[in-house]
Amino acid sequence: MTDPILQFFAFRHLPPHLQAVSQPFAALAGEIVDTVPICIERTTCLRKLLEAKDCAVRAHLLDEEWDG
């Protein structure tokens, strides 16, 4: 069985340095889909994991000279 949210964990279209950041999130999302029963908590878990993945990718896109 699969879950439509997995499409948002795709990473092969990214440059190699961002693939390296994104791939572990995709692997974990697949593991969650394979092992956690379908329920609202699984959906929430995957959404929060997707949010974390997006943050990690954006962190690598920040201008290194930006100091906040």
C-alpha atoms as a PDB file:
ATOM      1  CA  MET A   1       0.000   0.000   0.000  1.00  0.00           C
ATOM      2  CA  THR A   2       1.143   3.558  -0.618  1.00  0.00           C
ATOM      3  CA  ASP A   3       0.125   7.011   0.480  1.00  0.00           C
ATOM      4  CA  PRO A   4      -0.364  10.015  -1.829  1.00  0.00           C
ATOM      5  CA  ILE A   5       1.745  12.232   0.448  1.00  0.00           C
ATOM      6  CA  LEU A   6       4.835  10.231  -0.554  1.00  0.00           C
ATOM      7  CA  GLN A   7       4.905  12.144  -3.849  1.00  0.00           C
ATOM      8  CA  PHE A   8       6.050  15.210  -1.903  1.00  0.00           C
ATOM      9  CA  PHE A   9       9.082  13.326  -0.600  1.00  0.00           C
ATOM     10  CA  ALA A  10      10.469  12.850  -4.125  1.00  0.00           C
ATOM     11  CA  PHE A  11      14.062  14.042  -4.316  1.00  0.00           C
ATOM     12  CA  ARG A  12      15.651  12.853  -7.590  1.00  0.00           C
ATOM     13  CA  HIS A  13      14.769  16.151  -9.300  1.00  0.00           C
ATOM     14  CA  LEU A  14      16.907  18.088  -6.805  1.00  0.00           C
ATOM     15  CA  PRO A  15      20.591  18.916  -7.238  1.00  0.00           C
ATOM     16  CA  PRO A  16      22.858  16.275  -5.648  1.00  0.00           C
ATOM     17  CA  HIS A  17      23.648  18.306  -2.516  1.00  0.00           C
ATOM     18  CA  LEU A  18      19.918  18.719  -1.805  1.00  0.00           C
ATOM     19  CA  GLN A  19      19.166  15.087  -2.653  1.00  0.00           C
ATOM     20  CA  ALA A  20      21.503  14.139   0.178  1.00  0.00           C
ATOM     21  CA  VAL A  21      19.437  16.269   2.570  1.00  0.00           C
ATOM     22  CA  SER A  22      16.041  15.112   1.326  1.00  0.00           C
ATOM     23  CA  GLN A  23      16.638  11.380   0.819  1.00  0.00           C
ATOM     24  CA  PRO A  24      16.662  10.337   4.505  1.00  0.00           C
ATOM     25  CA  PHE A  25      13.261  11.992   4.974  1.00  0.00           C
ATOM     26  CA  ALA A  26      11.904  10.055   1.977  1.00  0.00           C
ATOM     27  CA  ALA A  27      13.256   6.809   3.401  1.00  0.00           C
ATOM     28  CA  LEU A  28      11.682   7.480   6.794  1.00  0.00           C
ATOM     29  CA  ALA A  29       8.358   8.434   5.193  1.00  0.00           C
ATOM     30  CA  GLY A  30       8.349   5.123   3.315  1.00  0.00           C
ATOM     31  CA  GLU A  31       9.134   3.237   6.504  1.00  0.00           C
ATOM     32  CA  ILE A  32       6.274   4.992   8.302  1.00  0.00           C
ATOM     33  CA  VAL A  33       3.832   4.154   5.504  1.00  0.00           C
ATOM     34  CA  ASP A  34       4.988   0.523   5.625  1.00  0.00           C
ATOM     35  CA  THR A  35       4.780   0.100   9.399  1.00  0.00           C
ATOM     36  CA  VAL A  36       2.286   2.525  10.933  1.00  0.00           C
ATOM     37  CA  PRO A  37      -1.433   1.799  10.609  1.00  0.00           C
ATOM     38  CA  ILE A  38      -3.496   4.196   8.520  1.00  0.00           C
ATOM     39  CA  CYS A  39      -5.042   6.727  10.873  1.00  0.00           C
ATOM     40  CA  ILE A  40      -5.145  10.460  11.514  1.00  0.00           C
ATOM     41  CA  GLU A  41      -1.980  10.231  13.608  1.00  0.00           C
ATOM     42  CA  ARG A  42      -0.041   8.670  10.735  1.00  0.00           C
ATOM     43  CA  THR A  43      -1.223  11.444   8.436  1.00  0.00           C
ATOM     44  CA  THR A  44      -0.153  14.055  10.978  1.00  0.00           C
ATOM     45  CA  CYS A  45       3.205  12.331  11.408  1.00  0.00           C
ATOM     46  CA  LEU A  46       3.830  12.376   7.644  1.00  0.00           C
ATOM     47  CA  ARG A  47       2.767  16.010   7.316  1.00  0.00           C
ATOM     48  CA  LYS A  48       5.109  17.077  10.102  1.00  0.00           C
ATOM     49  CA  LEU A  49       7.926  15.018   8.576  1.00  0.00           C
ATOM     50  CA  LEU A  50       7.276  16.740   5.250  1.00  0.00           C
ATOM     51  CA  GLU A  51       7.438  20.117   6.982  1.00  0.00           C
ATOM     52  CA  ALA A  52      10.739  19.138   8.616  1.00  0.00           C
ATOM     53  CA  LYS A  53      12.136  17.983   5.262  1.00  0.00           C
ATOM     54  CA  ASP A  54      11.162  21.272   3.632  1.00  0.00           C
ATOM     55  CA  CYS A  55      12.852  23.206   6.456  1.00  0.00           C
ATOM     56  CA  ALA A  56      16.051  21.169   6.117  1.00  0.00           C
ATOM     57  CA  VAL A  57      16.175  21.758   2.355  1.00  0.00           C
ATOM     58  CA  ARG A  58      15.527  25.488   2.805  1.00  0.00           C
ATOM     59  CA  ALA A  59      18.261  25.653   5.446  1.00  0.00           C
ATOM     60  CA  HIS A  60      20.714  24.444   2.823  1.00  0.00           C
ATOM     61  CA  LEU A  61      19.477  27.089   0.406  1.00  0.00           C
ATOM     62  CA  LEU A  62      20.025  30.014   2.770  1.00  0.00           C
ATOM     63  CA  ASP A  63      22.720  32.434   1.797  1.00  0.00           C
ATOM     64  CA  GLU A  64      25.707  31.433   3.913  1.00  0.00           C
ATOM     65  CA  GLU A  65      26.459  35.098   4.616  1.00  0.00           C
ATOM     66  CA  TRP A  66      22.996  35.764   6.057  1.00  0.00           C
ATOM     67  CA  ASP A  67      23.368  36.142   9.806  1.00  0.00           C
ATOM     68  CA  GLY A  68      19.751  36.608  10.830  1.00  0.00           C
END
